[in-house]
Amino acid sequence: MTHVLHEQEISMLRTEIEMMMNERRTLLQVAGAAAVFVANLDTGKLPPDMYESAEMLSKCLNDISEDTLKEALEGVRAEPVESD
């Protein structure tokens, strides 16, 4: 009986890992799309009441590791933007 329980636990763990990997893939796509959005954002045309939100998004993107950001951009098939 414990062998069956062990197999069920393994199956549940596999399912959970698969769900987490799918969630990670989705979050990478969101991060990639957000990075492209920020890179193409014309701040001169941004309404003043949106500055705080844009800054928050920009800070979150800057906190992502370079490797993760590259992977996120690859997920949306975007080229990294050269920073000054």
PDB file of N, CA and C in Angstrom:
ATOM      1  N   MET A   1       0.815  -1.203   0.000  1.00  0.00           N
ATOM      2  CA  MET A   1       0.000   0.000   0.000  1.00  0.00           C
ATOM      3  C   MET A   1       0.856   1.264   0.000  1.00  0.00           C
ATOM      4  N   THR A   2       1.994   1.239   0.688  1.00  0.00           N
ATOM      5  CA  THR A   2       2.842   2.424   0.731  1.00  0.00           C
ATOM      6  C   THR A   2       3.458   2.716  -0.635  1.00  0.00           C
ATOM      7  N   HIS A   3       3.678   1.667  -1.427  1.00  0.00           N
ATOM      8  CA  HIS A   3       4.218   1.862  -2.768  1.00  0.00           C
ATOM      9  C   HIS A   3       3.225   2.657  -3.631  1.00  0.00           C
ATOM     10  N   VAL A   4       1.957   2.333  -3.510  1.00  0.00           N
ATOM     11  CA  VAL A   4       0.913   3.047  -4.256  1.00  0.00           C
ATOM     12  C   VAL A   4       0.855   4.496  -3.794  1.00  0.00           C
ATOM     13  N   LEU A   5       0.940   4.714  -2.494  1.00  0.00           N
ATOM     14  CA  LEU A   5       0.933   6.065  -1.949  1.00  0.00           C
ATOM     15  C   LEU A   5       2.128   6.854  -2.461  1.00  0.00           C
ATOM     16  N   HIS A   6       3.289   6.206  -2.489  1.00  0.00           N
ATOM     17  CA  HIS A   6       4.509   6.842  -2.987  1.00  0.00           C
ATOM     18  C   HIS A   6       4.347   7.237  -4.454  1.00  0.00           C
ATOM     19  N   GLU A   7       3.787   6.380  -5.264  1.00  0.00           N
ATOM     20  CA  GLU A   7       3.559   6.667  -6.685  1.00  0.00           C
ATOM     21  C   GLU A   7       2.573   7.819  -6.855  1.00  0.00           C
ATOM     22  N   GLN A   8       1.561   7.882  -6.007  1.00  0.00           N
ATOM     23  CA  GLN A   8       0.589   8.974  -6.063  1.00  0.00           C
ATOM     24  C   GLN A   8       1.259  10.307  -5.710  1.00  0.00           C
ATOM     25  N   GLU A   9       2.114  10.274  -4.702  1.00  0.00           N
ATOM     26  CA  GLU A   9       2.826  11.490  -4.307  1.00  0.00           C
ATOM     27  C   GLU A   9       3.734  11.966  -5.431  1.00  0.00           C
ATOM     28  N   ILE A  10       4.427  11.045  -6.076  1.00  0.00           N
ATOM     29  CA  ILE A  10       5.298  11.396  -7.202  1.00  0.00           C
ATOM     30  C   ILE A  10       4.478  12.000  -8.331  1.00  0.00           C
ATOM     31  N   SER A  11       3.352  11.410  -8.620  1.00  0.00           N
ATOM     32  CA  SER A  11       2.472  11.921  -9.668  1.00  0.00           C
ATOM     33  C   SER A  11       1.977  13.324  -9.331  1.00  0.00           C
ATOM     34  N   MET A  12       1.607  13.535  -8.084  1.00  0.00           N
ATOM     35  CA  MET A  12       1.147  14.853  -7.654  1.00  0.00           C
ATOM     36  C   MET A  12       2.267  15.882  -7.766  1.00  0.00           C
ATOM     37  N   LEU A  13       3.474  15.501  -7.384  1.00  0.00           N
ATOM     38  CA  LEU A  13       4.618  16.406  -7.479  1.00  0.00           C
ATOM     39  C   LEU A  13       4.927  16.749  -8.939  1.00  0.00           C
ATOM     40  N   ARG A  14       4.853  15.766  -9.814  1.00  0.00           N
ATOM     41  CA  ARG A  14       5.078  16.022 -11.238  1.00  0.00           C
ATOM     42  C   ARG A  14       4.048  17.003 -11.778  1.00  0.00           C
ATOM     43  N   THR A  15       2.813  16.793 -11.389  1.00  0.00           N
ATOM     44  CA  THR A  15       1.739  17.688 -11.830  1.00  0.00           C
ATOM     45  C   THR A  15       1.979  19.105 -11.321  1.00  0.00           C
ATOM     46  N   GLU A  16       2.371  19.218 -10.068  1.00  0.00           N
ATOM     47  CA  GLU A  16       2.633  20.529  -9.471  1.00  0.00           C
ATOM     48  C   GLU A  16       3.816  21.215 -10.154  1.00  0.00           C
ATOM     49  N   ILE A  17       4.867  20.478 -10.429  1.00  0.00           N
ATOM     50  CA  ILE A  17       6.031  21.053 -11.114  1.00  0.00           C
ATOM     51  C   ILE A  17       5.651  21.514 -12.514  1.00  0.00           C
ATOM     52  N   GLU A  18       4.861  20.732 -13.206  1.00  0.00           N
ATOM     53  CA  GLU A  18       4.411  21.113 -14.545  1.00  0.00           C
ATOM     54  C   GLU A  18       3.587  22.399 -14.494  1.00  0.00           C
ATOM     55  N   MET A  19       2.713  22.509 -13.502  1.00  0.00           N
ATOM     56  CA  MET A  19       1.911  23.724 -13.342  1.00  0.00           C
ATOM     57  C   MET A  19       2.814  24.930 -13.065  1.00  0.00           C
ATOM     58  N   MET A  20       3.823  24.744 -12.223  1.00  0.00           N
ATOM     59  CA  MET A  20       4.742  25.828 -11.892  1.00  0.00           C
ATOM     60  C   MET A  20       5.568  26.242 -13.104  1.00  0.00           C
ATOM     61  N   MET A  21       5.983  25.283 -13.910  1.00  0.00           N
ATOM     62  CA  MET A  21       6.752  25.606 -15.115  1.00  0.00           C
ATOM     63  C   MET A  21       5.887  26.370 -16.117  1.00  0.00           C
ATOM     64  N   ASN A  22       4.626  25.985 -16.248  1.00  0.00           N
ATOM     65  CA  ASN A  22       3.709  26.716 -17.125  1.00  0.00           C
ATOM     66  C   ASN A  22       3.486  28.139 -16.617  1.00  0.00           C
ATOM     67  N   GLU A  23       3.349  28.279 -15.316  1.00  0.00           N
ATOM     68  CA  GLU A  23       3.177  29.606 -14.710  1.00  0.00           C
ATOM     69  C   GLU A  23       4.426  30.454 -14.929  1.00  0.00           C
ATOM     70  N   ARG A  24       5.588  29.854 -14.786  1.00  0.00           N
ATOM     71  CA  ARG A  24       6.846  30.571 -15.018  1.00  0.00           C
ATOM     72  C   ARG A  24       6.928  31.054 -16.461  1.00  0.00           C
ATOM     73  N   ARG A  25       6.552  30.193 -17.392  1.00  0.00           N
ATOM     74  CA  ARG A  25       6.578  30.554 -18.808  1.00  0.00           C
ATOM     75  C   ARG A  25       5.657  31.751 -19.062  1.00  0.00           C
ATOM     76  N   THR A  26       4.476  31.720 -18.461  1.00  0.00           N
ATOM     77  CA  THR A  26       3.535  32.823 -18.621  1.00  0.00           C
ATOM     78  C   THR A  26       4.082  34.109 -18.001  1.00  0.00           C
ATOM     79  N   LEU A  27       4.668  34.008 -16.820  1.00  0.00           N
ATOM     80  CA  LEU A  27       5.223  35.187 -16.157  1.00  0.00           C
ATOM     81  C   LEU A  27       6.404  35.754 -16.945  1.00  0.00           C
ATOM     82  N   LEU A  28       7.200  34.895 -17.567  1.00  0.00           N
ATOM     83  CA  LEU A  28       8.291  35.375 -18.407  1.00  0.00           C
ATOM     84  C   LEU A  28       7.746  36.127 -19.618  1.00  0.00           C
ATOM     85  N   GLN A  29       6.660  35.641 -20.187  1.00  0.00           N
ATOM     86  CA  GLN A  29       6.051  36.340 -21.319  1.00  0.00           C
ATOM     87  C   GLN A  29       5.519  37.707 -20.885  1.00  0.00           C
ATOM     88  N   VAL A  30       4.922  37.765 -19.712  1.00  0.00           N
ATOM     89  CA  VAL A  30       4.418  39.042 -19.190  1.00  0.00           C
ATOM     90  C   VAL A  30       5.591  40.002 -18.964  1.00  0.00           C
ATOM     91  N   ALA A  31       6.655  39.515 -18.361  1.00  0.00           N
ATOM     92  CA  ALA A  31       7.826  40.360 -18.114  1.00  0.00           C
ATOM     93  C   ALA A  31       8.442  40.831 -19.427  1.00  0.00           C
ATOM     94  N   GLY A  32       8.511  39.949 -20.409  1.00  0.00           N
ATOM     95  CA  GLY A  32       9.053  40.328 -21.710  1.00  0.00           C
ATOM     96  C   GLY A  32       8.210  41.390 -22.386  1.00  0.00           C
ATOM     97  N   ALA A  33       6.911  41.198 -22.361  1.00  0.00           N
ATOM     98  CA  ALA A  33       6.005  42.179 -22.962  1.00  0.00           C
ATOM     99  C   ALA A  33       6.101  43.519 -22.229  1.00  0.00           C
ATOM    100  N   ALA A  34       6.202  43.474 -20.909  1.00  0.00           N
ATOM    101  CA  ALA A  34       6.327  44.704 -20.127  1.00  0.00           C
ATOM    102  C   ALA A  34       7.643  45.413 -20.448  1.00  0.00           C
ATOM    103  N   ALA A  35       8.719  44.656 -20.622  1.00  0.00           N
ATOM    104  CA  ALA A  35      10.015  45.251 -20.955  1.00  0.00           C
ATOM    105  C   ALA A  35       9.962  45.933 -22.318  1.00  0.00           C
ATOM    106  N   VAL A  36       9.320  45.294 -23.282  1.00  0.00           N
ATOM    107  CA  VAL A  36       9.180  45.898 -24.607  1.00  0.00           C
ATOM    108  C   VAL A  36       8.329  47.163 -24.506  1.00  0.00           C
ATOM    109  N   PHE A  37       7.264  47.101 -23.735  1.00  0.00           N
ATOM    110  CA  PHE A  37       6.392  48.263 -23.546  1.00  0.00           C
ATOM    111  C   PHE A  37       7.177  49.441 -22.960  1.00  0.00           C
ATOM    112  N   VAL A  38       7.928  49.189 -21.899  1.00  0.00           N
ATOM    113  CA  VAL A  38       8.690  50.255 -21.241  1.00  0.00           C
ATOM    114  C   VAL A  38       9.767  50.789 -22.179  1.00  0.00           C
ATOM    115  N   ALA A  39      10.423  49.901 -22.915  1.00  0.00           N
ATOM    116  CA  ALA A  39      11.480  50.334 -23.831  1.00  0.00           C
ATOM    117  C   ALA A  39      10.937  51.243 -24.931  1.00  0.00           C
ATOM    118  N   ASN A  40       9.710  51.024 -25.347  1.00  0.00           N
ATOM    119  CA  ASN A  40       9.117  51.810 -26.430  1.00  0.00           C
ATOM    120  C   ASN A  40       8.247  52.961 -25.936  1.00  0.00           C
ATOM    121  N   LEU A  41       8.175  53.124 -24.641  1.00  0.00           N
ATOM    122  CA  LEU A  41       7.316  54.148 -24.046  1.00  0.00           C
ATOM    123  C   LEU A  41       7.886  55.544 -24.283  1.00  0.00           C
ATOM    124  N   ASP A  42       7.062  56.418 -24.793  1.00  0.00           N
ATOM    125  CA  ASP A  42       7.445  57.816 -24.967  1.00  0.00           C
ATOM    126  C   ASP A  42       6.992  58.558 -23.715  1.00  0.00           C
ATOM    127  N   THR A  43       7.933  58.777 -22.803  1.00  0.00           N
ATOM    128  CA  THR A  43       7.567  59.375 -21.517  1.00  0.00           C
ATOM    129  C   THR A  43       7.067  60.810 -21.671  1.00  0.00           C
ATOM    130  N   GLY A  44       7.430  61.447 -22.774  1.00  0.00           N
ATOM    131  CA  GLY A  44       6.940  62.800 -23.015  1.00  0.00           C
ATOM    132  C   GLY A  44       5.449  62.839 -23.274  1.00  0.00           C
ATOM    133  N   LYS A  45       4.899  61.732 -23.712  1.00  0.00           N
ATOM    134  CA  LYS A  45       3.460  61.668 -23.992  1.00  0.00           C
ATOM    135  C   LYS A  45       2.681  60.969 -22.883  1.00  0.00           C
ATOM    136  N   LEU A  46       3.380  60.561 -21.844  1.00  0.00           N
ATOM    137  CA  LEU A  46       2.749  59.838 -20.734  1.00  0.00           C
ATOM    138  C   LEU A  46       1.994  60.823 -19.834  1.00  0.00           C
ATOM    139  N   PRO A  47       0.720  60.555 -19.556  1.00  0.00           N
ATOM    140  CA  PRO A  47      -0.019  61.436 -18.634  1.00  0.00           C
ATOM    141  C   PRO A  47       0.655  61.440 -17.261  1.00  0.00           C
ATOM    142  N   PRO A  48       0.735  62.596 -16.624  1.00  0.00           N
ATOM    143  CA  PRO A  48       1.404  62.698 -15.323  1.00  0.00           C
ATOM    144  C   PRO A  48       0.898  61.716 -14.268  1.00  0.00           C
ATOM    145  N   ASP A  49      -0.384  61.379 -14.312  1.00  0.00           N
ATOM    146  CA  ASP A  49      -0.915  60.472 -13.297  1.00  0.00           C
ATOM    147  C   ASP A  49      -0.462  59.025 -13.536  1.00  0.00           C
ATOM    148  N   MET A  50       0.245  58.774 -14.628  1.00  0.00           N
ATOM    149  CA  MET A  50       0.746  57.424 -14.925  1.00  0.00           C
ATOM    150  C   MET A  50       2.223  57.266 -14.588  1.00  0.00           C
ATOM    151  N   TYR A  51       2.896  58.358 -14.185  1.00  0.00           N
ATOM    152  CA  TYR A  51       4.329  58.296 -13.896  1.00  0.00           C
ATOM    153  C   TYR A  51       4.674  57.262 -12.829  1.00  0.00           C
ATOM    154  N   GLU A  52       3.883  57.261 -11.766  1.00  0.00           N
ATOM    155  CA  GLU A  52       4.166  56.354 -10.646  1.00  0.00           C
ATOM    156  C   GLU A  52       4.062  54.889 -11.083  1.00  0.00           C
ATOM    157  N   SER A  53       3.036  54.575 -11.858  1.00  0.00           N
ATOM    158  CA  SER A  53       2.870  53.196 -12.345  1.00  0.00           C
ATOM    159  C   SER A  53       3.998  52.806 -13.280  1.00  0.00           C
ATOM    160  N   ALA A  54       4.372  53.713 -14.167  1.00  0.00           N
ATOM    161  CA  ALA A  54       5.467  53.430 -15.103  1.00  0.00           C
ATOM    162  C   ALA A  54       6.783  53.245 -14.356  1.00  0.00           C
ATOM    163  N   GLU A  55       7.004  54.063 -13.349  1.00  0.00           N
ATOM    164  CA  GLU A  55       8.224  53.940 -12.555  1.00  0.00           C
ATOM    165  C   GLU A  55       8.252  52.612 -11.792  1.00  0.00           C
ATOM    166  N   MET A  56       7.112  52.207 -11.239  1.00  0.00           N
ATOM    167  CA  MET A  56       7.027  50.941 -10.521  1.00  0.00           C
ATOM    168  C   MET A  56       7.340  49.768 -11.457  1.00  0.00           C
ATOM    169  N   LEU A  57       6.746  49.797 -12.645  1.00  0.00           N
ATOM    170  CA  LEU A  57       6.994  48.740 -13.629  1.00  0.00           C
ATOM    171  C   LEU A  57       8.456  48.724 -14.035  1.00  0.00           C
ATOM    172  N   SER A  58       9.015  49.882 -14.282  1.00  0.00           N
ATOM    173  CA  SER A  58      10.416  49.986 -14.669  1.00  0.00           C
ATOM    174  C   SER A  58      11.332  49.448 -13.572  1.00  0.00           C
ATOM    175  N   LYS A  59      11.044  49.777 -12.316  1.00  0.00           N
ATOM    176  CA  LYS A  59      11.863  49.292 -11.197  1.00  0.00           C
ATOM    177  C   LYS A  59      11.792  47.768 -11.097  1.00  0.00           C
ATOM    178  N   CYS A  60      10.591  47.221 -11.233  1.00  0.00           N
ATOM    179  CA  CYS A  60      10.439  45.763 -11.178  1.00  0.00           C
ATOM    180  C   CYS A  60      11.246  45.082 -12.284  1.00  0.00           C
ATOM    181  N   LEU A  61      11.208  45.661 -13.473  1.00  0.00           N
ATOM    182  CA  LEU A  61      11.976  45.089 -14.582  1.00  0.00           C
ATOM    183  C   LEU A  61      13.474  45.201 -14.334  1.00  0.00           C
ATOM    184  N   ASN A  62      13.909  46.309 -13.743  1.00  0.00           N
ATOM    185  CA  ASN A  62      15.335  46.483 -13.437  1.00  0.00           C
ATOM    186  C   ASN A  62      15.810  45.508 -12.369  1.00  0.00           C
ATOM    187  N   ASP A  63      14.897  45.034 -11.531  1.00  0.00           N
ATOM    188  CA  ASP A  63      15.261  44.092 -10.469  1.00  0.00           C
ATOM    189  C   ASP A  63      15.424  42.655 -10.967  1.00  0.00           C
ATOM    190  N   ILE A  64      14.961  42.391 -12.187  1.00  0.00           N
ATOM    191  CA  ILE A  64      15.077  41.049 -12.759  1.00  0.00           C
ATOM    192  C   ILE A  64      16.520  40.825 -13.191  1.00  0.00           C
ATOM    193  N   SER A  65      17.032  39.640 -12.968  1.00  0.00           N
ATOM    194  CA  SER A  65      18.397  39.345 -13.401  1.00  0.00           C
ATOM    195  C   SER A  65      18.503  39.455 -14.916  1.00  0.00           C
ATOM    196  N   GLU A  66      19.700  39.743 -15.384  1.00  0.00           N
ATOM    197  CA  GLU A  66      19.915  39.911 -16.824  1.00  0.00           C
ATOM    198  C   GLU A  66      19.547  38.645 -17.596  1.00  0.00           C
ATOM    199  N   ASP A  67      19.921  37.486 -17.072  1.00  0.00           N
ATOM    200  CA  ASP A  67      19.606  36.223 -17.748  1.00  0.00           C
ATOM    201  C   ASP A  67      18.098  35.991 -17.839  1.00  0.00           C
ATOM    202  N   THR A  68      17.401  36.276 -16.759  1.00  0.00           N
ATOM    203  CA  THR A  68      15.950  36.092 -16.748  1.00  0.00           C
ATOM    204  C   THR A  68      15.283  37.070 -17.711  1.00  0.00           C
ATOM    205  N   LEU A  69      15.775  38.311 -17.740  1.00  0.00           N
ATOM    206  CA  LEU A  69      15.201  39.293 -18.655  1.00  0.00           C
ATOM    207  C   LEU A  69      15.438  38.890 -20.114  1.00  0.00           C
ATOM    208  N   LYS A  70      16.621  38.367 -20.404  1.00  0.00           N
ATOM    209  CA  LYS A  70      16.892  37.885 -21.762  1.00  0.00           C
ATOM    210  C   LYS A  70      15.931  36.759 -22.129  1.00  0.00           C
ATOM    211  N   GLU A  71      15.722  35.841 -21.187  1.00  0.00           N
ATOM    212  CA  GLU A  71      14.783  34.741 -21.421  1.00  0.00           C
ATOM    213  C   GLU A  71      13.366  35.271 -21.627  1.00  0.00           C
ATOM    214  N   ALA A  72      12.997  36.291 -20.855  1.00  0.00           N
ATOM    215  CA  ALA A  72      11.668  36.892 -20.993  1.00  0.00           C
ATOM    216  C   ALA A  72      11.507  37.536 -22.365  1.00  0.00           C
ATOM    217  N   LEU A  73      12.542  38.235 -22.823  1.00  0.00           N
ATOM    218  CA  LEU A  73      12.479  38.866 -24.139  1.00  0.00           C
ATOM    219  C   LEU A  73      12.442  37.828 -25.254  1.00  0.00           C
ATOM    220  N   GLU A  74      13.156  36.735 -25.061  1.00  0.00           N
ATOM    221  CA  GLU A  74      13.106  35.652 -26.038  1.00  0.00           C
ATOM    222  C   GLU A  74      11.696  35.059 -26.105  1.00  0.00           C
ATOM    223  N   GLY A  75      11.015  35.035 -24.974  1.00  0.00           N
ATOM    224  CA  GLY A  75       9.666  34.492 -24.905  1.00  0.00           C
ATOM    225  C   GLY A  75       8.656  35.278 -25.721  1.00  0.00           C
ATOM    226  N   VAL A  76       8.949  36.565 -25.922  1.00  0.00           N
ATOM    227  CA  VAL A  76       8.077  37.394 -26.753  1.00  0.00           C
ATOM    228  C   VAL A  76       8.766  37.752 -28.063  1.00  0.00           C
ATOM    229  N   ARG A  77       9.881  37.074 -28.315  1.00  0.00           N
ATOM    230  CA  ARG A  77      10.664  37.278 -29.546  1.00  0.00           C
ATOM    231  C   ARG A  77      11.048  38.736 -29.762  1.00  0.00           C
ATOM    232  N   ALA A  78      11.562  39.346 -28.701  1.00  0.00           N
ATOM    233  CA  ALA A  78      11.998  40.750 -28.773  1.00  0.00           C
ATOM    234  C   ALA A  78      13.505  40.818 -28.573  1.00  0.00           C
ATOM    235  N   GLU A  79      14.109  41.799 -29.166  1.00  0.00           N
ATOM    236  CA  GLU A  79      15.540  42.029 -28.996  1.00  0.00           C
ATOM    237  C   GLU A  79      15.767  42.886 -27.766  1.00  0.00           C
ATOM    238  N   PRO A  80      16.827  42.591 -26.994  1.00  0.00           N
ATOM    239  CA  PRO A  80      17.125  43.440 -25.839  1.00  0.00           C
ATOM    240  C   PRO A  80      17.425  44.863 -26.297  1.00  0.00           C
ATOM    241  N   VAL A  81      17.004  45.828 -25.502  1.00  0.00           N
ATOM    242  CA  VAL A  81      17.245  47.231 -25.798  1.00  0.00           C
ATOM    243  C   VAL A  81      18.560  47.628 -25.171  1.00  0.00           C
ATOM    244  N   GLU A  82      19.403  48.277 -25.934  1.00  0.00           N
ATOM    245  CA  GLU A  82      20.688  48.736 -25.419  1.00  0.00           C
ATOM    246  C   GLU A  82      20.456  49.834 -24.388  1.00  0.00           C
ATOM    247  N   SER A  83      21.114  49.715 -23.241  1.00  0.00           N
ATOM    248  CA  SER A  83      20.985  50.739 -22.220  1.00  0.00           C
ATOM    249  C   SER A  83      22.118  51.750 -22.367  1.00  0.00           C
ATOM    250  N   ASP A  84      21.867  52.973 -21.915  1.00  0.00           N
ATOM    251  CA  ASP A  84      22.871  54.042 -22.040  1.00  0.00           C
ATOM    252  C   ASP A  84      23.901  53.930 -20.967  1.00  0.00           C
TER     253      ASP A  84
END
